[in-house]
Every structure is written in structure tokens, then in C-alpha cells.
Amino acid sequence: MKKLIFGIVSAFIGLVSHQTLLAQGDPAAGQAKAALCATCHGADGNSELSVNPKLAGQNASYIVKQLNDYKSGARQNATMSAMVLSLSDQDIEDIAAWFASQTVTLQGADPESLELAETLYRAGIDELSVAACSACHSPTGQGNAPAGFPSLRGQHPEYTLLQLQNFRSGARDNDNSAMMRTVVERLTDRELEALASYVSGLN
């Protein structure tokens, strides 16, 4: 298991772009540039609609990568692709810096699935070679900014579940070295639902 986790992380870090690792932005400038983003994601990045991800407190490097992936077509979403089309590299970095500087609002995990989710998140499934989520996303769910791993804490469970399902089905494939697809391909619907609920309350 430890070798699997190390191998996945090493492969990812080796492929993360220079821009993703060194995203530099001005939060003050980003606040003004993110005004249009507020319609879906909230003025401070805490979206009220569960279909739209919370961006508050998200690692800037991860936001930069996702916006660039929407712009290049590596990640498919008609609305987001149109929104980022006219953004410059500096605009993207500034917007990312603004949302990263905000505080995410936490939610609560479903008590009925808490034990299952905590085991998956913190230990994985050794017999299936499923790595622990905490290896990349940290025990508190804050992710790993230098490596480009996103923060998960406080995210809408519905949004997280959809992303996990999309990685499992291959509908989303902009994870470097297929890291997420490799992890979730062996997980059941119940396990994905438990994880999505669990991370919404991590802190």
C-alpha cells in the first residue's frame, strides 16, 4: 500500500506543470476579476447551490490548473469553457488567489456512513490496493497545495460525489497520471457516497 501511494504521488508531482506549482496571484485584483464567478460560486466562493463547487479556501494551484484545463478543453464543461475563454494567465492566477484567501463554510457528515467513510479516507482498502484519500488530501482534508492536490473540506457532498462518479466512469479524465481514476475505479456507489459526505465536514 505504501509503495502504491508513493508511486502515485511521485508520478503526479513529476507531471504537474510549472505554472500549477508556482501559481502567483494578487487576491485584491482577483476579487474584482471574480465578480462574474460569484453568480454560481458565491461572492466569497461559498456557493449556495450544491451543483456548483465551493472555491473558498481551495488551493490556488488547483484552481489555476482547473481553469487552464477548462480553457484548453482538457476538462469539459460548456459553461466554464466559455467563462474562462477571455481570461489571461494573470487573471487566472489572481482569481485563484482571491478564492484561496477565503474561508470555506463547513457542513456535516452523515452519521450512518461515518465509520465506513473514515476508514476509507484514512486507511484505504489494502486488499484492493486502494490508497487512502488522506495520503494526498491530508488528514484534515486541506489537500496539498505545492503538489496541486485539492482541498476537499466543506465541499458540497453532491458535487464531490458527482466528481468521484465522473472519475470512475472516465467522464472526467483531467487527473494527472489517472490518479483519481485509479483510486475510485474499485469503489462502490455506497463507498463514494460515504466519502462525499465525510469530506464535507472535515476540518
N, C-alpha and C. Protein backbone atom coordinates (compact mmCIF):
# COMPACT_ATOMS: atom_id res chain seq x y z
N MET A 1 0.82 -1.20 0.00
CA MET A 1 0.00 0.00 0.00
C MET A 1 0.87 1.26 0.00
N LYS A 2 1.91 1.27 0.88
CA LYS A 2 2.76 2.44 0.95
C LYS A 2 3.48 2.68 -0.37
N LYS A 3 3.90 1.57 -1.02
CA LYS A 3 4.58 1.70 -2.31
C LYS A 3 3.63 2.26 -3.36
N LEU A 4 2.36 1.82 -3.31
CA LEU A 4 1.36 2.31 -4.27
C LEU A 4 1.16 3.81 -4.10
N ILE A 5 0.98 4.24 -2.84
CA ILE A 5 0.75 5.66 -2.56
C ILE A 5 1.95 6.48 -3.00
N PHE A 6 3.16 6.01 -2.66
CA PHE A 6 4.37 6.74 -3.03
C PHE A 6 4.50 6.83 -4.55
N GLY A 7 4.19 5.74 -5.23
CA GLY A 7 4.30 5.72 -6.68
C GLY A 7 3.33 6.68 -7.34
N ILE A 8 2.11 6.72 -6.84
CA ILE A 8 1.10 7.62 -7.39
C ILE A 8 1.50 9.07 -7.18
N VAL A 9 1.90 9.39 -5.95
CA VAL A 9 2.27 10.76 -5.63
C VAL A 9 3.49 11.20 -6.43
N SER A 10 4.49 10.33 -6.54
CA SER A 10 5.70 10.67 -7.28
C SER A 10 5.40 10.92 -8.74
N ALA A 11 4.56 10.07 -9.33
CA ALA A 11 4.21 10.24 -10.74
C ALA A 11 3.48 11.55 -10.95
N PHE A 12 2.60 11.88 -10.03
CA PHE A 12 1.83 13.12 -10.16
C PHE A 12 2.75 14.33 -10.10
N ILE A 13 3.60 14.37 -9.08
CA ILE A 13 4.48 15.51 -8.89
C ILE A 13 5.40 15.68 -10.10
N GLY A 14 5.81 14.59 -10.68
CA GLY A 14 6.67 14.66 -11.86
C GLY A 14 5.99 15.26 -13.07
N LEU A 15 4.66 15.19 -13.10
CA LEU A 15 3.93 15.68 -14.26
C LEU A 15 3.24 17.01 -14.05
N VAL A 16 3.17 17.48 -12.79
CA VAL A 16 2.50 18.75 -12.53
C VAL A 16 3.26 19.87 -13.22
N SER A 17 2.54 20.74 -13.89
CA SER A 17 3.17 21.80 -14.66
C SER A 17 3.82 22.83 -13.76
N HIS A 18 4.75 23.56 -14.30
CA HIS A 18 5.45 24.62 -13.57
C HIS A 18 4.45 25.68 -13.12
N GLN A 19 3.51 25.98 -13.98
CA GLN A 19 2.52 27.01 -13.64
C GLN A 19 1.65 26.58 -12.47
N THR A 20 1.25 25.32 -12.46
CA THR A 20 0.41 24.82 -11.38
C THR A 20 1.14 24.89 -10.04
N LEU A 21 2.42 24.54 -10.05
CA LEU A 21 3.18 24.52 -8.81
C LEU A 21 3.48 25.92 -8.29
N LEU A 22 3.66 26.87 -9.20
CA LEU A 22 4.12 28.19 -8.81
C LEU A 22 3.09 29.28 -9.06
N ALA A 23 1.83 28.95 -8.97
CA ALA A 23 0.79 29.93 -9.22
C ALA A 23 0.96 31.12 -8.28
N GLN A 24 1.08 32.31 -8.86
CA GLN A 24 1.21 33.54 -8.09
C GLN A 24 0.10 34.48 -8.53
N GLY A 25 -0.62 35.01 -7.55
CA GLY A 25 -1.70 35.92 -7.91
C GLY A 25 -1.92 36.96 -6.84
N ASP A 26 -2.67 37.98 -7.19
CA ASP A 26 -2.99 39.07 -6.30
C ASP A 26 -4.45 38.94 -5.87
N PRO A 27 -4.72 38.59 -4.61
CA PRO A 27 -6.10 38.40 -4.16
C PRO A 27 -6.98 39.63 -4.35
N ALA A 28 -6.42 40.81 -4.12
CA ALA A 28 -7.19 42.04 -4.26
C ALA A 28 -7.65 42.23 -5.70
N ALA A 29 -6.73 42.00 -6.63
CA ALA A 29 -7.09 42.11 -8.05
C ALA A 29 -8.05 41.00 -8.42
N GLY A 30 -7.87 39.84 -7.82
CA GLY A 30 -8.72 38.69 -8.11
C GLY A 30 -10.15 38.90 -7.67
N GLN A 31 -10.37 39.64 -6.59
CA GLN A 31 -11.73 39.88 -6.11
C GLN A 31 -12.57 40.56 -7.17
N ALA A 32 -12.01 41.58 -7.81
CA ALA A 32 -12.74 42.29 -8.85
C ALA A 32 -12.94 41.41 -10.08
N LYS A 33 -11.92 40.66 -10.43
CA LYS A 33 -12.00 39.81 -11.62
C LYS A 33 -12.95 38.64 -11.42
N ALA A 34 -13.19 38.26 -10.16
CA ALA A 34 -14.05 37.11 -9.86
C ALA A 34 -15.51 37.49 -9.71
N ALA A 35 -15.85 38.75 -9.96
CA ALA A 35 -17.23 39.22 -9.77
C ALA A 35 -18.23 38.37 -10.54
N LEU A 36 -17.90 38.00 -11.76
CA LEU A 36 -18.81 37.19 -12.57
C LEU A 36 -18.92 35.76 -12.03
N CYS A 37 -17.85 35.29 -11.40
CA CYS A 37 -17.84 33.94 -10.83
C CYS A 37 -18.86 33.82 -9.69
N ALA A 38 -19.12 34.96 -9.04
CA ALA A 38 -19.98 34.97 -7.86
C ALA A 38 -21.40 34.49 -8.16
N THR A 39 -21.84 34.65 -9.39
CA THR A 39 -23.18 34.23 -9.78
C THR A 39 -23.41 32.75 -9.45
N CYS A 40 -22.42 31.94 -9.71
CA CYS A 40 -22.55 30.49 -9.47
C CYS A 40 -21.83 30.03 -8.21
N HIS A 41 -20.71 30.68 -7.89
CA HIS A 41 -19.85 30.19 -6.81
C HIS A 41 -19.93 31.01 -5.53
N GLY A 42 -20.72 32.08 -5.53
CA GLY A 42 -20.82 32.92 -4.34
C GLY A 42 -19.73 33.98 -4.31
N ALA A 43 -20.04 35.13 -3.73
CA ALA A 43 -19.09 36.25 -3.71
C ALA A 43 -17.78 35.88 -3.03
N ASP A 44 -17.86 35.04 -1.99
CA ASP A 44 -16.64 34.62 -1.28
C ASP A 44 -16.23 33.19 -1.62
N GLY A 45 -16.86 32.63 -2.64
CA GLY A 45 -16.51 31.27 -3.06
C GLY A 45 -17.29 30.18 -2.38
N ASN A 46 -18.22 30.54 -1.50
CA ASN A 46 -19.07 29.54 -0.85
C ASN A 46 -20.40 29.45 -1.59
N SER A 47 -20.42 28.65 -2.63
CA SER A 47 -21.61 28.53 -3.46
C SER A 47 -22.78 28.00 -2.64
N GLU A 48 -23.95 28.53 -2.91
CA GLU A 48 -25.15 28.07 -2.21
C GLU A 48 -25.79 26.88 -2.92
N LEU A 49 -25.52 26.73 -4.20
CA LEU A 49 -26.08 25.63 -4.98
C LEU A 49 -25.13 24.44 -4.94
N SER A 50 -25.66 23.29 -4.57
CA SER A 50 -24.81 22.12 -4.37
C SER A 50 -24.20 21.58 -5.67
N VAL A 51 -24.76 21.98 -6.82
CA VAL A 51 -24.20 21.52 -8.10
C VAL A 51 -22.96 22.32 -8.47
N ASN A 52 -22.75 23.46 -7.80
CA ASN A 52 -21.59 24.30 -8.09
C ASN A 52 -20.58 24.17 -6.95
N PRO A 53 -19.33 23.92 -7.28
CA PRO A 53 -18.34 23.70 -6.22
C PRO A 53 -18.04 24.95 -5.41
N LYS A 54 -17.73 24.74 -4.14
CA LYS A 54 -17.20 25.82 -3.32
C LYS A 54 -15.74 26.03 -3.70
N LEU A 55 -15.37 27.29 -3.91
CA LEU A 55 -14.00 27.63 -4.25
C LEU A 55 -13.26 28.27 -3.08
N ALA A 56 -14.01 28.69 -2.07
CA ALA A 56 -13.40 29.33 -0.91
C ALA A 56 -12.43 28.39 -0.22
N GLY A 57 -11.22 28.87 0.02
CA GLY A 57 -10.22 28.06 0.71
C GLY A 57 -9.58 27.00 -0.15
N GLN A 58 -9.97 26.94 -1.42
CA GLN A 58 -9.36 25.94 -2.31
C GLN A 58 -7.92 26.34 -2.61
N ASN A 59 -7.04 25.36 -2.76
CA ASN A 59 -5.65 25.65 -3.07
C ASN A 59 -5.55 26.36 -4.42
N ALA A 60 -4.83 27.48 -4.43
CA ALA A 60 -4.73 28.30 -5.64
C ALA A 60 -4.18 27.51 -6.82
N SER A 61 -3.18 26.66 -6.56
CA SER A 61 -2.57 25.89 -7.65
C SER A 61 -3.59 24.97 -8.31
N TYR A 62 -4.50 24.43 -7.51
CA TYR A 62 -5.53 23.55 -8.07
C TYR A 62 -6.52 24.35 -8.91
N ILE A 63 -6.93 25.51 -8.42
CA ILE A 63 -7.86 26.35 -9.20
C ILE A 63 -7.23 26.74 -10.52
N VAL A 64 -5.96 27.12 -10.48
CA VAL A 64 -5.25 27.50 -11.70
C VAL A 64 -5.28 26.36 -12.71
N LYS A 65 -4.98 25.15 -12.25
CA LYS A 65 -4.98 24.00 -13.15
C LYS A 65 -6.36 23.76 -13.76
N GLN A 66 -7.39 23.81 -12.93
CA GLN A 66 -8.73 23.53 -13.44
C GLN A 66 -9.17 24.58 -14.45
N LEU A 67 -8.91 25.85 -14.18
CA LEU A 67 -9.29 26.90 -15.12
C LEU A 67 -8.53 26.75 -16.44
N ASN A 68 -7.26 26.41 -16.35
CA ASN A 68 -6.49 26.19 -17.58
C ASN A 68 -6.97 24.95 -18.33
N ASP A 69 -7.40 23.93 -17.58
CA ASP A 69 -7.93 22.73 -18.23
C ASP A 69 -9.25 23.02 -18.93
N TYR A 70 -10.10 23.85 -18.32
CA TYR A 70 -11.33 24.26 -18.99
C TYR A 70 -10.99 25.04 -20.26
N LYS A 71 -9.99 25.88 -20.17
CA LYS A 71 -9.60 26.73 -21.30
C LYS A 71 -9.04 25.91 -22.46
N SER A 72 -8.28 24.87 -22.13
CA SER A 72 -7.66 24.04 -23.16
C SER A 72 -8.59 22.94 -23.67
N GLY A 73 -9.64 22.65 -22.89
CA GLY A 73 -10.54 21.57 -23.26
C GLY A 73 -10.19 20.26 -22.59
N ALA A 74 -9.15 20.26 -21.76
CA ALA A 74 -8.77 19.04 -21.05
C ALA A 74 -9.85 18.62 -20.06
N ARG A 75 -10.61 19.60 -19.56
CA ARG A 75 -11.76 19.32 -18.72
C ARG A 75 -12.99 19.91 -19.41
N GLN A 76 -14.00 19.12 -19.59
CA GLN A 76 -15.15 19.51 -20.39
C GLN A 76 -16.29 20.08 -19.55
N ASN A 77 -16.69 21.30 -19.85
CA ASN A 77 -17.88 21.92 -19.29
C ASN A 77 -18.15 23.16 -20.12
N ALA A 78 -19.26 23.16 -20.84
CA ALA A 78 -19.54 24.24 -21.78
C ALA A 78 -19.58 25.60 -21.10
N THR A 79 -20.22 25.67 -19.94
CA THR A 79 -20.34 26.94 -19.23
C THR A 79 -18.98 27.46 -18.79
N MET A 80 -18.19 26.60 -18.16
CA MET A 80 -16.89 27.03 -17.67
C MET A 80 -15.92 27.34 -18.81
N SER A 81 -15.99 26.58 -19.87
CA SER A 81 -15.11 26.83 -21.01
C SER A 81 -15.36 28.23 -21.58
N ALA A 82 -16.63 28.61 -21.64
CA ALA A 82 -16.98 29.94 -22.14
C ALA A 82 -16.53 31.03 -21.17
N MET A 83 -16.63 30.75 -19.86
CA MET A 83 -16.28 31.74 -18.85
C MET A 83 -14.79 32.06 -18.84
N VAL A 84 -13.96 31.07 -19.09
CA VAL A 84 -12.51 31.28 -18.98
C VAL A 84 -11.85 31.66 -20.30
N LEU A 85 -12.60 31.66 -21.36
CA LEU A 85 -12.03 31.87 -22.70
C LEU A 85 -11.22 33.14 -22.81
N SER A 86 -11.70 34.22 -22.21
CA SER A 86 -11.03 35.51 -22.35
C SER A 86 -10.07 35.83 -21.21
N LEU A 87 -9.92 34.91 -20.26
CA LEU A 87 -9.03 35.16 -19.13
C LEU A 87 -7.56 34.99 -19.51
N SER A 88 -6.73 35.91 -19.07
CA SER A 88 -5.29 35.79 -19.27
C SER A 88 -4.71 34.91 -18.17
N ASP A 89 -3.45 34.55 -18.31
CA ASP A 89 -2.79 33.76 -17.27
C ASP A 89 -2.80 34.50 -15.95
N GLN A 90 -2.57 35.82 -16.00
CA GLN A 90 -2.56 36.61 -14.77
C GLN A 90 -3.95 36.69 -14.15
N ASP A 91 -4.98 36.82 -15.01
CA ASP A 91 -6.36 36.83 -14.50
C ASP A 91 -6.64 35.55 -13.72
N ILE A 92 -6.25 34.44 -14.29
CA ILE A 92 -6.49 33.13 -13.66
C ILE A 92 -5.78 33.04 -12.32
N GLU A 93 -4.54 33.48 -12.28
CA GLU A 93 -3.79 33.41 -11.03
C GLU A 93 -4.38 34.34 -9.97
N ASP A 94 -4.85 35.52 -10.40
CA ASP A 94 -5.45 36.47 -9.45
C ASP A 94 -6.76 35.93 -8.89
N ILE A 95 -7.59 35.39 -9.75
CA ILE A 95 -8.87 34.81 -9.31
C ILE A 95 -8.63 33.65 -8.35
N ALA A 96 -7.66 32.82 -8.69
CA ALA A 96 -7.33 31.68 -7.82
C ALA A 96 -6.86 32.16 -6.46
N ALA A 97 -6.04 33.21 -6.45
CA ALA A 97 -5.52 33.75 -5.19
C ALA A 97 -6.65 34.31 -4.34
N TRP A 98 -7.64 34.96 -4.96
CA TRP A 98 -8.77 35.51 -4.22
C TRP A 98 -9.56 34.41 -3.53
N PHE A 99 -9.96 33.41 -4.28
CA PHE A 99 -10.76 32.35 -3.68
C PHE A 99 -9.97 31.56 -2.64
N ALA A 100 -8.69 31.37 -2.88
CA ALA A 100 -7.85 30.64 -1.91
C ALA A 100 -7.75 31.38 -0.59
N SER A 101 -7.88 32.70 -0.63
CA SER A 101 -7.75 33.51 0.59
C SER A 101 -9.02 33.54 1.43
N GLN A 102 -10.11 32.98 0.90
CA GLN A 102 -11.38 32.98 1.61
C GLN A 102 -11.52 31.75 2.50
N THR A 103 -12.49 31.78 3.40
CA THR A 103 -12.71 30.68 4.33
C THR A 103 -13.93 29.87 3.92
N VAL A 104 -13.74 28.58 3.76
CA VAL A 104 -14.84 27.71 3.34
C VAL A 104 -15.76 27.44 4.52
N THR A 105 -17.05 27.38 4.24
CA THR A 105 -18.01 27.02 5.28
C THR A 105 -18.13 25.50 5.32
N LEU A 106 -18.06 24.96 6.52
CA LEU A 106 -18.11 23.50 6.68
C LEU A 106 -19.53 22.99 6.78
N GLN A 107 -19.71 21.73 6.46
CA GLN A 107 -21.01 21.09 6.57
C GLN A 107 -20.87 19.91 7.52
N GLY A 108 -21.77 18.97 7.49
CA GLY A 108 -21.69 17.85 8.41
C GLY A 108 -21.84 16.53 7.68
N ALA A 109 -21.12 15.53 8.15
CA ALA A 109 -21.16 14.21 7.53
C ALA A 109 -22.37 13.42 8.03
N ASP A 110 -22.83 12.50 7.21
CA ASP A 110 -23.93 11.60 7.58
C ASP A 110 -23.43 10.62 8.64
N PRO A 111 -24.01 10.65 9.84
CA PRO A 111 -23.54 9.77 10.93
C PRO A 111 -23.61 8.28 10.56
N GLU A 112 -24.56 7.91 9.71
CA GLU A 112 -24.73 6.50 9.37
C GLU A 112 -23.59 5.94 8.53
N SER A 113 -22.91 6.82 7.80
CA SER A 113 -21.82 6.34 6.94
C SER A 113 -20.45 6.80 7.44
N LEU A 114 -20.43 7.38 8.62
CA LEU A 114 -19.21 7.97 9.14
C LEU A 114 -18.08 6.95 9.33
N GLU A 115 -18.39 5.81 9.92
CA GLU A 115 -17.36 4.81 10.19
C GLU A 115 -16.75 4.27 8.88
N LEU A 116 -17.60 3.96 7.93
CA LEU A 116 -17.13 3.46 6.64
C LEU A 116 -16.25 4.50 5.96
N ALA A 117 -16.73 5.75 5.93
CA ALA A 117 -16.01 6.81 5.24
C ALA A 117 -14.67 7.11 5.89
N GLU A 118 -14.65 7.12 7.20
CA GLU A 118 -13.40 7.43 7.90
C GLU A 118 -12.34 6.37 7.63
N THR A 119 -12.76 5.11 7.58
CA THR A 119 -11.83 4.03 7.27
C THR A 119 -11.28 4.18 5.86
N LEU A 120 -12.15 4.46 4.91
CA LEU A 120 -11.72 4.63 3.52
C LEU A 120 -10.77 5.82 3.39
N TYR A 121 -11.16 6.92 4.00
CA TYR A 121 -10.40 8.16 3.86
C TYR A 121 -9.01 8.04 4.48
N ARG A 122 -8.95 7.41 5.65
CA ARG A 122 -7.69 7.39 6.39
C ARG A 122 -6.84 6.15 6.15
N ALA A 123 -7.45 5.06 5.68
CA ALA A 123 -6.68 3.82 5.51
C ALA A 123 -6.78 3.21 4.12
N GLY A 124 -7.80 3.59 3.34
CA GLY A 124 -7.98 2.96 2.04
C GLY A 124 -8.46 1.52 2.20
N ILE A 125 -8.25 0.73 1.17
CA ILE A 125 -8.61 -0.69 1.22
C ILE A 125 -7.39 -1.47 0.75
N ASP A 126 -6.66 -2.01 1.68
CA ASP A 126 -5.38 -2.65 1.38
C ASP A 126 -5.52 -3.81 0.41
N GLU A 127 -6.55 -4.67 0.64
CA GLU A 127 -6.69 -5.86 -0.20
C GLU A 127 -7.04 -5.53 -1.65
N LEU A 128 -7.57 -4.32 -1.89
CA LEU A 128 -7.91 -3.90 -3.25
C LEU A 128 -6.89 -2.90 -3.79
N SER A 129 -5.84 -2.65 -3.02
CA SER A 129 -4.81 -1.67 -3.38
C SER A 129 -5.41 -0.28 -3.64
N VAL A 130 -6.40 0.09 -2.82
CA VAL A 130 -7.00 1.41 -2.90
C VAL A 130 -6.30 2.30 -1.87
N ALA A 131 -5.64 3.33 -2.35
CA ALA A 131 -4.89 4.22 -1.47
C ALA A 131 -5.80 5.05 -0.58
N ALA A 132 -5.30 5.42 0.58
CA ALA A 132 -6.04 6.28 1.49
C ALA A 132 -6.14 7.69 0.91
N CYS A 133 -7.32 8.28 0.98
CA CYS A 133 -7.53 9.63 0.47
C CYS A 133 -6.63 10.63 1.19
N SER A 134 -6.42 10.39 2.49
CA SER A 134 -5.64 11.32 3.30
C SER A 134 -4.18 11.42 2.85
N ALA A 135 -3.71 10.44 2.10
CA ALA A 135 -2.32 10.46 1.63
C ALA A 135 -2.06 11.66 0.74
N CYS A 136 -3.06 12.05 -0.03
CA CYS A 136 -2.91 13.20 -0.93
C CYS A 136 -3.67 14.43 -0.45
N HIS A 137 -4.82 14.20 0.18
CA HIS A 137 -5.68 15.32 0.55
C HIS A 137 -5.53 15.74 2.00
N SER A 138 -4.62 15.12 2.73
CA SER A 138 -4.27 15.40 4.12
C SER A 138 -5.34 14.89 5.08
N PRO A 139 -4.97 14.61 6.32
CA PRO A 139 -5.93 14.11 7.30
C PRO A 139 -7.08 15.09 7.56
N THR A 140 -6.82 16.39 7.38
CA THR A 140 -7.86 17.39 7.64
C THR A 140 -8.61 17.79 6.37
N GLY A 141 -8.26 17.19 5.24
CA GLY A 141 -8.96 17.50 4.00
C GLY A 141 -8.52 18.77 3.32
N GLN A 142 -7.42 19.37 3.76
CA GLN A 142 -6.98 20.63 3.18
C GLN A 142 -6.15 20.45 1.92
N GLY A 143 -5.89 19.22 1.55
CA GLY A 143 -5.13 18.96 0.33
C GLY A 143 -3.65 19.21 0.51
N ASN A 144 -2.96 19.39 -0.61
CA ASN A 144 -1.52 19.66 -0.61
C ASN A 144 -1.26 20.66 -1.72
N ALA A 145 -1.19 21.93 -1.36
CA ALA A 145 -1.07 22.99 -2.35
C ALA A 145 0.17 22.87 -3.24
N PRO A 146 1.37 22.64 -2.68
CA PRO A 146 2.56 22.54 -3.55
C PRO A 146 2.45 21.42 -4.59
N ALA A 147 1.78 20.33 -4.23
CA ALA A 147 1.64 19.21 -5.16
C ALA A 147 0.41 19.35 -6.05
N GLY A 148 -0.43 20.35 -5.77
CA GLY A 148 -1.62 20.56 -6.59
C GLY A 148 -2.81 19.71 -6.21
N PHE A 149 -2.76 19.08 -5.03
CA PHE A 149 -3.89 18.26 -4.58
C PHE A 149 -4.94 19.16 -3.96
N PRO A 150 -6.19 19.05 -4.37
CA PRO A 150 -7.21 19.98 -3.90
C PRO A 150 -7.66 19.76 -2.46
N SER A 151 -8.14 20.86 -1.88
CA SER A 151 -8.81 20.79 -0.59
C SER A 151 -10.20 20.20 -0.83
N LEU A 152 -10.64 19.34 0.08
CA LEU A 152 -11.96 18.70 -0.04
C LEU A 152 -12.92 19.16 1.05
N ARG A 153 -12.38 19.71 2.12
CA ARG A 153 -13.21 20.01 3.29
C ARG A 153 -14.25 21.09 2.98
N GLY A 154 -15.45 20.86 3.48
CA GLY A 154 -16.53 21.81 3.30
C GLY A 154 -17.24 21.75 1.96
N GLN A 155 -16.72 20.93 1.04
CA GLN A 155 -17.33 20.86 -0.29
C GLN A 155 -18.72 20.25 -0.23
N HIS A 156 -19.60 20.71 -1.11
CA HIS A 156 -20.93 20.12 -1.18
C HIS A 156 -20.81 18.62 -1.47
N PRO A 157 -21.46 17.76 -0.68
CA PRO A 157 -21.40 16.32 -0.93
C PRO A 157 -21.88 15.95 -2.32
N GLU A 158 -22.90 16.63 -2.80
CA GLU A 158 -23.45 16.33 -4.12
C GLU A 158 -22.42 16.59 -5.22
N TYR A 159 -21.68 17.68 -5.08
CA TYR A 159 -20.66 18.00 -6.07
C TYR A 159 -19.51 17.00 -6.01
N THR A 160 -19.05 16.72 -4.80
CA THR A 160 -17.95 15.76 -4.64
C THR A 160 -18.33 14.39 -5.19
N LEU A 161 -19.54 13.95 -4.90
CA LEU A 161 -19.99 12.65 -5.38
C LEU A 161 -20.00 12.60 -6.90
N LEU A 162 -20.49 13.67 -7.52
CA LEU A 162 -20.52 13.71 -8.98
C LEU A 162 -19.12 13.60 -9.57
N GLN A 163 -18.16 14.30 -8.97
CA GLN A 163 -16.79 14.23 -9.48
C GLN A 163 -16.19 12.84 -9.30
N LEU A 164 -16.46 12.21 -8.16
CA LEU A 164 -15.98 10.85 -7.94
C LEU A 164 -16.58 9.88 -8.95
N GLN A 165 -17.87 10.04 -9.20
CA GLN A 165 -18.54 9.19 -10.19
C GLN A 165 -17.99 9.43 -11.59
N ASN A 166 -17.71 10.68 -11.90
CA ASN A 166 -17.17 11.01 -13.22
C ASN A 166 -15.76 10.46 -13.41
N PHE A 167 -14.96 10.51 -12.34
CA PHE A 167 -13.63 9.91 -12.43
C PHE A 167 -13.76 8.40 -12.62
N ARG A 168 -14.67 7.79 -11.91
CA ARG A 168 -14.83 6.33 -12.00
C ARG A 168 -15.30 5.90 -13.39
N SER A 169 -16.19 6.69 -13.99
CA SER A 169 -16.72 6.33 -15.31
C SER A 169 -15.80 6.76 -16.45
N GLY A 170 -14.87 7.66 -16.13
CA GLY A 170 -13.99 8.19 -17.18
C GLY A 170 -14.54 9.44 -17.83
N ALA A 171 -15.71 9.90 -17.39
CA ALA A 171 -16.29 11.13 -17.94
C ALA A 171 -15.40 12.33 -17.61
N ARG A 172 -14.69 12.23 -16.50
CA ARG A 172 -13.68 13.25 -16.16
C ARG A 172 -12.33 12.55 -16.16
N ASP A 173 -11.39 13.12 -16.91
CA ASP A 173 -10.10 12.45 -17.04
C ASP A 173 -8.92 13.43 -17.01
N ASN A 174 -9.11 14.56 -16.33
CA ASN A 174 -8.01 15.52 -16.28
C ASN A 174 -7.17 15.37 -15.00
N ASP A 175 -7.21 14.18 -14.42
CA ASP A 175 -6.36 13.87 -13.27
C ASP A 175 -5.02 13.37 -13.78
N ASN A 176 -3.95 14.02 -13.39
CA ASN A 176 -2.62 13.62 -13.86
C ASN A 176 -2.29 12.18 -13.48
N SER A 177 -1.76 11.45 -14.44
CA SER A 177 -1.39 10.05 -14.25
C SER A 177 -2.57 9.17 -13.86
N ALA A 178 -3.79 9.63 -14.16
CA ALA A 178 -5.02 8.87 -13.86
C ALA A 178 -5.11 8.52 -12.37
N MET A 179 -4.60 9.39 -11.53
CA MET A 179 -4.55 9.09 -10.10
C MET A 179 -5.92 8.84 -9.50
N MET A 180 -6.85 9.78 -9.74
CA MET A 180 -8.18 9.62 -9.16
C MET A 180 -8.93 8.45 -9.78
N ARG A 181 -8.80 8.28 -11.08
CA ARG A 181 -9.48 7.16 -11.74
C ARG A 181 -8.99 5.83 -11.19
N THR A 182 -7.70 5.75 -10.91
CA THR A 182 -7.14 4.51 -10.36
C THR A 182 -7.67 4.22 -8.97
N VAL A 183 -7.83 5.27 -8.16
CA VAL A 183 -8.28 5.09 -6.79
C VAL A 183 -9.76 4.70 -6.72
N VAL A 184 -10.60 5.40 -7.50
CA VAL A 184 -12.05 5.20 -7.34
C VAL A 184 -12.64 4.08 -8.20
N GLU A 185 -11.86 3.54 -9.12
CA GLU A 185 -12.44 2.55 -10.03
C GLU A 185 -12.93 1.29 -9.32
N ARG A 186 -12.41 1.02 -8.13
CA ARG A 186 -12.79 -0.18 -7.38
C ARG A 186 -13.80 0.11 -6.27
N LEU A 187 -14.22 1.36 -6.13
CA LEU A 187 -15.14 1.72 -5.06
C LEU A 187 -16.60 1.62 -5.49
N THR A 188 -17.45 1.23 -4.57
CA THR A 188 -18.87 1.07 -4.85
C THR A 188 -19.59 2.41 -4.71
N ASP A 189 -20.84 2.44 -5.16
CA ASP A 189 -21.64 3.66 -5.02
C ASP A 189 -21.75 4.06 -3.55
N ARG A 190 -21.99 3.08 -2.69
CA ARG A 190 -22.13 3.36 -1.26
C ARG A 190 -20.85 3.97 -0.69
N GLU A 191 -19.72 3.48 -1.11
CA GLU A 191 -18.45 4.00 -0.62
C GLU A 191 -18.19 5.41 -1.12
N LEU A 192 -18.54 5.67 -2.37
CA LEU A 192 -18.37 7.02 -2.91
C LEU A 192 -19.27 8.01 -2.19
N GLU A 193 -20.51 7.60 -1.95
CA GLU A 193 -21.46 8.47 -1.24
C GLU A 193 -20.97 8.77 0.18
N ALA A 194 -20.43 7.75 0.84
CA ALA A 194 -19.93 7.93 2.20
C ALA A 194 -18.76 8.91 2.22
N LEU A 195 -17.85 8.78 1.28
CA LEU A 195 -16.69 9.67 1.21
C LEU A 195 -17.11 11.10 0.93
N ALA A 196 -18.05 11.28 0.00
CA ALA A 196 -18.52 12.63 -0.36
C ALA A 196 -19.13 13.31 0.84
N SER A 197 -19.88 12.56 1.63
CA SER A 197 -20.48 13.12 2.84
C SER A 197 -19.41 13.43 3.88
N TYR A 198 -18.48 12.53 4.04
CA TYR A 198 -17.45 12.66 5.08
C TYR A 198 -16.59 13.91 4.90
N VAL A 199 -16.12 14.16 3.68
CA VAL A 199 -15.20 15.27 3.48
C VAL A 199 -15.88 16.63 3.63
N SER A 200 -17.21 16.66 3.53
CA SER A 200 -17.90 17.94 3.65
C SER A 200 -17.77 18.54 5.05
N GLY A 201 -17.46 17.69 6.02
CA GLY A 201 -17.31 18.16 7.39
C GLY A 201 -15.90 18.12 7.93
N LEU A 202 -14.93 17.75 7.09
CA LEU A 202 -13.55 17.66 7.55
C LEU A 202 -12.99 19.04 7.89
N ASN A 203 -12.21 19.10 8.96
CA ASN A 203 -11.54 20.36 9.30
C ASN A 203 -10.35 20.04 10.23
